Amino acid sequence: MPNLSLTTRDVARELARRYSTMTHDELDILESVLVPMRFAKNEVILSEGEVARNIYWVQKGLVRQFYHKNGKELTEYMAAENSIVMCIESLFKEEPSHLQIHALEPTLLYAMSKAELEAVAMRSVNIQILYRKILEESLIISQRRADMLRFESAQDRYQKLMKRAPQLVLRAPLVYIASYLQMTPETLSRVRNALTADEQ
């Protein structure tokens, strides 16, 4: 479980550990752009039609990114602790987002303004590296999901999600997991039942 007594400095250190080595001064700069934001369960983090301005680090909780199509909500992404979440197209094109982000649990995020991050990255090679690696990670996650949906069976998709993101499988409502894996809740139930039967 995440340490709830973490300070903004601790979060800056964790981001540096994960993405880029930093000096004491660079940690000061990174800490200066981190803004803690708390959200209640089901609270809106980003609305459809809003222009995305931030990259979010999930310190505690669970968030869901989704969009509407033909009257249905389709889950694009879910993120638990120690994950980055952003609406990348809206963020970089500075256009209204087609995606929404909601908190599925009481959630603590640390927001990094894209404009501020880019400004401080101009003064620090290591913060530039951190920014680039965050974007690289986001692209890799998107590519992996696209490949999973294109090439893998329903059972393989679910097993891969269990391996890569066990917290999502344990904590997210099944209807959202099914939507994320692009299958019906009924198909997901069959897949889960078949895997349980195989284990017995």
Protein backbone atom coordinates (compact mmCIF):
# COMPACT_ATOMS: atom_id res chain seq x y z
CA MET A 1 0.00 0.00 0.00
CA PRO A 2 1.20 3.57 -0.63
CA ASN A 3 2.70 5.55 2.20
CA LEU A 4 0.08 8.20 3.01
CA SER A 5 2.54 10.36 4.94
CA LEU A 6 4.62 11.04 1.82
CA THR A 7 5.49 14.67 1.15
CA THR A 8 5.71 16.41 -2.22
CA ARG A 9 9.48 16.02 -1.87
CA ASP A 10 9.09 12.25 -1.52
CA VAL A 11 6.97 12.16 -4.67
CA ALA A 12 9.63 14.18 -6.54
CA ARG A 13 12.24 11.65 -5.38
CA GLU A 14 10.05 8.73 -6.50
CA LEU A 15 9.57 10.28 -9.95
CA ALA A 16 13.32 10.92 -10.21
CA ARG A 17 14.07 7.34 -9.14
CA ARG A 18 11.69 6.00 -11.74
CA TYR A 19 12.48 8.24 -14.69
CA SER A 20 15.74 10.19 -14.30
CA THR A 21 18.63 10.83 -11.90
CA MET A 22 18.50 14.31 -10.35
CA THR A 23 20.61 16.66 -8.28
CA HIS A 24 19.30 18.29 -5.11
CA ASP A 25 18.58 21.50 -7.06
CA GLU A 26 16.74 19.60 -9.79
CA LEU A 27 14.59 17.89 -7.15
CA ASP A 28 13.74 21.37 -5.84
CA ILE A 29 12.62 22.39 -9.34
CA LEU A 30 10.58 19.22 -9.89
CA GLU A 31 8.96 19.57 -6.47
CA SER A 32 7.93 23.13 -7.37
CA VAL A 33 5.73 21.92 -10.26
CA LEU A 34 4.00 19.10 -8.32
CA VAL A 35 0.52 20.03 -7.09
CA PRO A 36 -1.36 17.58 -4.82
CA MET A 37 -5.04 17.14 -5.72
CA ARG A 38 -7.57 15.03 -3.81
CA PHE A 39 -10.70 13.56 -5.35
CA ALA A 40 -13.63 11.70 -3.79
CA LYS A 41 -14.92 8.45 -5.24
CA ASN A 42 -16.70 9.10 -8.58
CA GLU A 43 -15.47 12.71 -8.68
CA VAL A 44 -14.57 14.15 -12.09
CA ILE A 45 -10.86 14.86 -12.63
CA LEU A 46 -11.17 15.93 -16.27
CA SER A 47 -14.46 16.52 -18.12
CA GLU A 48 -15.22 15.88 -21.76
CA GLY A 49 -14.78 19.16 -23.63
CA GLU A 50 -12.20 20.48 -21.15
CA VAL A 51 -8.67 21.16 -22.41
CA ALA A 52 -6.16 18.92 -20.61
CA ARG A 53 -3.35 20.92 -18.97
CA ASN A 54 -1.77 18.38 -16.61
CA ILE A 55 0.08 15.10 -16.42
CA TYR A 56 -1.04 13.23 -13.29
CA TRP A 57 0.90 10.87 -11.02
CA VAL A 58 -1.44 8.59 -9.06
CA GLN A 59 -0.14 8.50 -5.49
CA LYS A 60 -3.19 6.79 -3.98
CA GLY A 61 -6.41 5.52 -5.45
CA LEU A 62 -7.74 4.37 -8.79
CA VAL A 63 -8.74 6.42 -11.83
CA ARG A 64 -10.55 5.63 -15.07
CA GLN A 65 -10.22 7.32 -18.46
CA PHE A 66 -13.17 6.80 -20.79
CA TYR A 67 -15.21 8.20 -23.67
CA HIS A 68 -18.76 7.97 -25.01
CA LYS A 69 -19.68 6.19 -28.24
CA ASN A 70 -23.17 5.24 -29.44
CA GLY A 71 -24.60 5.99 -26.02
CA LYS A 72 -22.09 3.78 -24.19
CA GLU A 73 -19.13 4.54 -21.94
CA LEU A 74 -15.97 2.86 -23.23
CA THR A 75 -12.98 2.54 -20.92
CA GLU A 76 -9.73 3.69 -22.52
CA TYR A 77 -7.37 3.32 -19.55
CA MET A 78 -7.29 2.73 -15.80
CA ALA A 79 -4.48 3.57 -13.41
CA ALA A 80 -3.75 2.68 -9.78
CA GLU A 81 -0.90 3.78 -7.50
CA ASN A 82 2.48 4.73 -9.00
CA SER A 83 1.10 5.32 -12.49
CA ILE A 84 0.94 8.25 -14.86
CA VAL A 85 -2.35 9.30 -16.46
CA MET A 86 -2.98 12.01 -19.05
CA CYS A 87 -5.19 12.83 -22.02
CA ILE A 88 -2.29 13.07 -24.42
CA GLU A 89 -4.05 14.38 -27.55
CA SER A 90 -5.84 17.19 -25.74
CA LEU A 91 -2.68 17.97 -23.76
CA PHE A 92 -0.49 18.46 -26.83
CA LYS A 93 -2.99 19.87 -29.31
CA GLU A 94 -4.51 22.13 -26.63
CA GLU A 95 -7.96 21.15 -27.88
CA PRO A 96 -11.06 20.00 -25.94
CA SER A 97 -10.73 16.42 -24.73
CA HIS A 98 -12.95 13.62 -26.03
CA LEU A 99 -11.88 11.66 -22.96
CA GLN A 100 -12.94 12.02 -19.34
CA ILE A 101 -11.06 11.03 -16.20
CA HIS A 102 -12.96 10.02 -13.04
CA ALA A 103 -11.81 8.73 -9.66
CA LEU A 104 -13.04 5.19 -8.96
CA GLU A 105 -11.85 5.42 -5.34
CA PRO A 106 -10.83 8.28 -3.04
CA THR A 107 -7.73 9.41 -4.92
CA LEU A 108 -4.64 11.55 -4.35
CA LEU A 109 -2.98 12.77 -7.54
CA TYR A 110 0.06 14.95 -8.07
CA ALA A 111 -0.53 17.19 -11.07
CA MET A 112 2.33 18.43 -13.23
CA SER A 113 1.35 21.29 -15.50
CA LYS A 114 2.63 20.56 -19.02
CA ALA A 115 3.49 24.24 -19.52
CA GLU A 116 5.46 24.42 -16.25
CA LEU A 117 7.17 21.09 -16.86
CA GLU A 118 8.28 22.20 -20.32
CA ALA A 119 9.54 25.52 -18.92
CA VAL A 120 11.68 23.87 -16.22
CA ALA A 121 12.85 21.19 -18.67
CA MET A 122 14.50 24.00 -20.67
CA ARG A 123 16.79 24.58 -17.66
CA SER A 124 17.53 20.96 -16.74
CA VAL A 125 18.65 18.07 -18.92
CA ASN A 126 17.54 15.56 -16.26
CA ILE A 127 14.03 17.02 -16.10
CA GLN A 128 13.97 16.89 -19.92
CA ILE A 129 14.83 13.19 -19.65
CA LEU A 130 12.09 12.64 -17.05
CA TYR A 131 9.53 14.39 -19.30
CA ARG A 132 10.59 12.36 -22.34
CA LYS A 133 10.50 9.07 -20.44
CA ILE A 134 7.00 9.80 -19.09
CA LEU A 135 5.82 10.39 -22.68
CA GLU A 136 7.63 7.28 -23.91
CA GLU A 137 5.98 5.19 -21.21
CA SER A 138 2.54 6.53 -22.16
CA LEU A 139 3.12 5.68 -25.83
CA ILE A 140 4.34 2.17 -25.00
CA ILE A 141 1.26 1.52 -22.82
CA SER A 142 -1.00 2.69 -25.67
CA GLN A 143 0.82 0.51 -28.19
CA ARG A 144 0.66 -2.54 -25.93
CA ARG A 145 -3.07 -2.14 -25.49
CA ALA A 146 -3.63 -1.67 -29.23
CA ASP A 147 -1.60 -4.83 -29.96
CA MET A 148 -3.43 -6.76 -27.24
CA LEU A 149 -6.83 -5.86 -28.71
CA ARG A 150 -5.72 -6.62 -32.28
CA PHE A 151 -3.92 -9.90 -31.78
CA GLU A 152 -4.99 -11.65 -28.58
CA SER A 153 -7.95 -13.76 -27.51
CA ALA A 154 -10.30 -12.66 -24.73
CA GLN A 155 -8.64 -15.09 -22.31
CA ASP A 156 -5.12 -13.91 -23.22
CA ARG A 157 -6.17 -10.27 -22.81
CA TYR A 158 -7.50 -10.91 -19.32
CA GLN A 159 -4.47 -12.97 -18.28
CA LYS A 160 -2.11 -10.25 -19.52
CA LEU A 161 -4.02 -7.61 -17.55
CA MET A 162 -3.84 -9.80 -14.41
CA LYS A 163 -0.08 -10.05 -14.87
CA ARG A 164 0.62 -6.40 -15.70
CA ALA A 165 -1.92 -4.70 -13.44
CA PRO A 166 -3.20 -7.06 -10.72
CA GLN A 167 -4.50 -4.13 -8.63
CA LEU A 168 -6.87 -3.12 -11.44
CA VAL A 169 -8.30 -6.64 -11.64
CA LEU A 170 -8.80 -6.74 -7.87
CA ARG A 171 -10.25 -3.25 -7.43
CA ALA A 172 -11.95 -2.01 -10.61
CA PRO A 173 -15.62 -2.90 -11.25
CA LEU A 174 -15.95 -5.83 -13.67
CA VAL A 175 -17.99 -3.77 -16.12
CA TYR A 176 -15.04 -1.37 -16.53
CA ILE A 177 -12.50 -4.18 -16.86
CA ALA A 178 -14.68 -5.77 -19.57
CA SER A 179 -14.96 -2.44 -21.38
CA TYR A 180 -11.20 -1.85 -21.18
CA LEU A 181 -10.55 -5.31 -22.65
CA GLN A 182 -13.25 -4.72 -25.30
CA MET A 183 -15.45 -7.62 -24.31
CA THR A 184 -18.92 -7.90 -22.80
CA PRO A 185 -19.28 -8.49 -19.04
CA GLU A 186 -20.73 -11.92 -19.94
CA THR A 187 -17.59 -12.84 -21.92
CA LEU A 188 -15.39 -11.64 -19.06
CA SER A 189 -17.36 -13.79 -16.61
CA ARG A 190 -16.90 -16.83 -18.86
CA VAL A 191 -13.16 -16.15 -19.14
CA ARG A 192 -12.79 -15.78 -15.36
CA ASN A 193 -14.84 -18.94 -14.71
CA ALA A 194 -12.77 -20.92 -17.23
CA LEU A 195 -9.51 -19.79 -15.61
CA THR A 196 -10.83 -20.65 -12.13
CA ALA A 197 -11.85 -24.11 -13.38
CA ASP A 198 -8.39 -24.63 -14.90
CA GLU A 199 -6.77 -23.82 -11.56
CA GLN A 200 -8.85 -26.38 -9.65
